[in-house]
C-alpha atoms as a PDB file:
ATOM      1  CA  MET A   1      -9.276   2.202  22.206  1.00  0.00           C
ATOM      2  CA  ILE A   2      -6.098   0.942  20.559  1.00  0.00           C
ATOM      3  CA  GLN A   3      -6.022   0.779  16.789  1.00  0.00           C
ATOM      4  CA  TYR A   4      -3.889  -2.152  15.623  1.00  0.00           C
ATOM      5  CA  LYS A   5      -1.820  -2.278  12.469  1.00  0.00           C
ATOM      6  CA  ILE A   6      -2.043  -5.621  10.626  1.00  0.00           C
ATOM      7  CA  VAL A   7       0.990  -6.848   8.649  1.00  0.00           C
ATOM      8  CA  LEU A   8       1.033 -10.073   6.631  1.00  0.00           C
ATOM      9  CA  SER A   9       4.332 -11.916   6.279  1.00  0.00           C
ATOM     10  CA  LYS A  10       5.309 -13.131   2.813  1.00  0.00           C
ATOM     11  CA  GLN A  11       4.324 -16.661   3.825  1.00  0.00           C
ATOM     12  CA  ALA A  12       0.927 -15.534   5.127  1.00  0.00           C
ATOM     13  CA  GLN A  13       0.294 -13.708   1.867  1.00  0.00           C
ATOM     14  CA  LYS A  14       1.115 -16.913  -0.048  1.00  0.00           C
ATOM     15  CA  ASP A  15      -1.179 -18.875   2.244  1.00  0.00           C
ATOM     16  CA  LEU A  16      -3.988 -16.396   1.653  1.00  0.00           C
ATOM     17  CA  ASN A  17      -3.547 -16.418  -2.119  1.00  0.00           C
ATOM     18  CA  ALA A  18      -3.875 -20.250  -2.143  1.00  0.00           C
ATOM     19  CA  ILE A  19      -7.218 -20.240  -0.312  1.00  0.00           C
ATOM     20  CA  PRO A  20     -10.427 -20.495  -2.420  1.00  0.00           C
ATOM     21  CA  ASP A  21     -12.320 -17.210  -2.924  1.00  0.00           C
ATOM     22  CA  PRO A  22     -15.373 -17.659  -0.678  1.00  0.00           C
ATOM     23  CA  PHE A  23     -13.119 -18.454   2.287  1.00  0.00           C
ATOM     24  CA  LYS A  24     -10.541 -15.831   1.359  1.00  0.00           C
ATOM     25  CA  SER A  25     -12.999 -12.949   1.546  1.00  0.00           C
ATOM     26  CA  ASN A  26     -14.233 -14.151   4.941  1.00  0.00           C
ATOM     27  CA  ILE A  27     -10.650 -14.326   6.244  1.00  0.00           C
ATOM     28  CA  GLN A  28      -9.904 -10.833   4.906  1.00  0.00           C
ATOM     29  CA  SER A  29     -12.887  -9.361   6.669  1.00  0.00           C
ATOM     30  CA  LYS A  30     -11.831 -11.032   9.939  1.00  0.00           C
ATOM     31  CA  LEU A  31      -8.331  -9.625   9.526  1.00  0.00           C
ATOM     32  CA  LEU A  32      -9.758  -6.130   9.059  1.00  0.00           C
ATOM     33  CA  SER A  33     -11.810  -6.573  12.234  1.00  0.00           C
ATOM     34  CA  LEU A  34      -8.566  -7.244  14.141  1.00  0.00           C
ATOM     35  CA  GLU A  35      -7.604  -3.610  13.575  1.00  0.00           C
ATOM     36  CA  ASN A  36     -10.221  -2.652  16.140  1.00  0.00           C
ATOM     37  CA  GLY A  37      -8.906  -5.020  18.794  1.00  0.00           C
ATOM     38  CA  LEU A  38      -8.739  -8.652  19.718  1.00  0.00           C
ATOM     39  CA  SER A  39     -12.142 -10.258  19.818  1.00  0.00           C
ATOM     40  CA  ASN A  40     -13.271 -13.226  21.851  1.00  0.00           C
ATOM     41  CA  GLU A  41     -12.552 -15.383  18.777  1.00  0.00           C
ATOM     42  CA  VAL A  42      -8.821 -14.913  19.369  1.00  0.00           C
ATOM     43  CA  GLN A  43      -7.119 -17.392  21.655  1.00  0.00           C
ATOM     44  CA  ARG A  44      -3.659 -17.301  23.145  1.00  0.00           C
ATOM     45  CA  LEU A  45      -1.612 -20.398  22.313  1.00  0.00           C
ATOM     46  CA  ARG A  46       0.751 -22.082  24.739  1.00  0.00           C
ATOM     47  CA  LYS A  47       3.910 -23.957  23.865  1.00  0.00           C
ATOM     48  CA  PHE A  48       3.595 -23.147  20.189  1.00  0.00           C
ATOM     49  CA  GLU A  49       5.618 -21.155  17.678  1.00  0.00           C
ATOM     50  CA  TYR A  50       2.992 -18.401  17.448  1.00  0.00           C
ATOM     51  CA  ASP A  51       1.299 -16.600  20.328  1.00  0.00           C
ATOM     52  CA  TYR A  52      -2.267 -16.237  19.068  1.00  0.00           C
ATOM     53  CA  ARG A  53      -4.774 -17.806  16.732  1.00  0.00           C
ATOM     54  CA  LEU A  54      -7.968 -16.623  15.125  1.00  0.00           C
ATOM     55  CA  ARG A  55     -10.558 -19.141  13.914  1.00  0.00           C
ATOM     56  CA  VAL A  56     -12.204 -18.412  10.584  1.00  0.00           C
ATOM     57  CA  ASN A  57     -14.371 -21.346   9.559  1.00  0.00           C
ATOM     58  CA  ASP A  58     -11.956 -24.248   8.877  1.00  0.00           C
ATOM     59  CA  TYR A  59      -8.922 -21.940   8.703  1.00  0.00           C
ATOM     60  CA  ARG A  60      -6.612 -20.691  11.439  1.00  0.00           C
ATOM     61  CA  VAL A  61      -4.816 -17.341  11.337  1.00  0.00           C
ATOM     62  CA  LEU A  62      -1.643 -17.628  13.391  1.00  0.00           C
ATOM     63  CA  PHE A  63      -0.036 -14.409  14.576  1.00  0.00           C
ATOM     64  CA  ASN A  64       2.128 -12.598  17.107  1.00  0.00           C
ATOM     65  CA  MET A  65       1.842  -9.129  18.612  1.00  0.00           C
ATOM     66  CA  GLU A  66       5.250  -7.529  18.143  1.00  0.00           C
ATOM     67  CA  GLU A  67       4.568  -4.117  19.678  1.00  0.00           C
ATOM     68  CA  GLU A  68       1.728  -2.542  21.574  1.00  0.00           C
ATOM     69  CA  ASN A  69      -0.218  -1.898  18.356  1.00  0.00           C
ATOM     70  CA  LEU A  70       1.339  -4.200  15.703  1.00  0.00           C
ATOM     71  CA  ILE A  71      -0.029  -7.605  14.755  1.00  0.00           C
ATOM     72  CA  ILE A  72       2.076  -9.722  12.424  1.00  0.00           C
ATOM     73  CA  ILE A  73       0.183 -12.518  10.671  1.00  0.00           C
ATOM     74  CA  HIS A  74       2.626 -15.387  10.084  1.00  0.00           C
ATOM     75  CA  ARG A  75       0.464 -18.199   8.708  1.00  0.00           C
ATOM     76  CA  ILE A  76      -3.060 -18.833   7.464  1.00  0.00           C
ATOM     77  CA  LYS A  77      -3.632 -22.579   7.306  1.00  0.00           C
ATOM     78  CA  HIS A  78      -6.452 -25.112   7.188  1.00  0.00           C
ATOM     79  CA  ARG A  79      -7.169 -26.410  10.684  1.00  0.00           C
ATOM     80  CA  LYS A  80      -5.797 -29.891   9.788  1.00  0.00           C
ATOM     81  CA  GLU A  81      -2.397 -28.376   8.929  1.00  0.00           C
ATOM     82  CA  ALA A  82      -2.201 -25.378  11.260  1.00  0.00           C
ATOM     83  CA  TYR A  83      -0.646 -26.965  14.328  1.00  0.00           C
ATOM     84  CA  GLN A  84       1.838 -29.373  12.718  1.00  0.00           C
END
């Protein structure tokens, strides 16, 4: 089984810091679970700036896979703002 390395961009770190605590801890645990592989909660996006998205309550984690085992988190946004 492939072990993934998760890297947050500066913008994703800013996004995460701006999220209220109860939601932030839930997002962080979902990000840690990505290290063990992509779950069925991850969907591939078409015709969008980022390749994948992970739903965490009302938030969307937008990311790309750069290498075989590297996931780069680009944005963490509320669902109303995520796809604009």
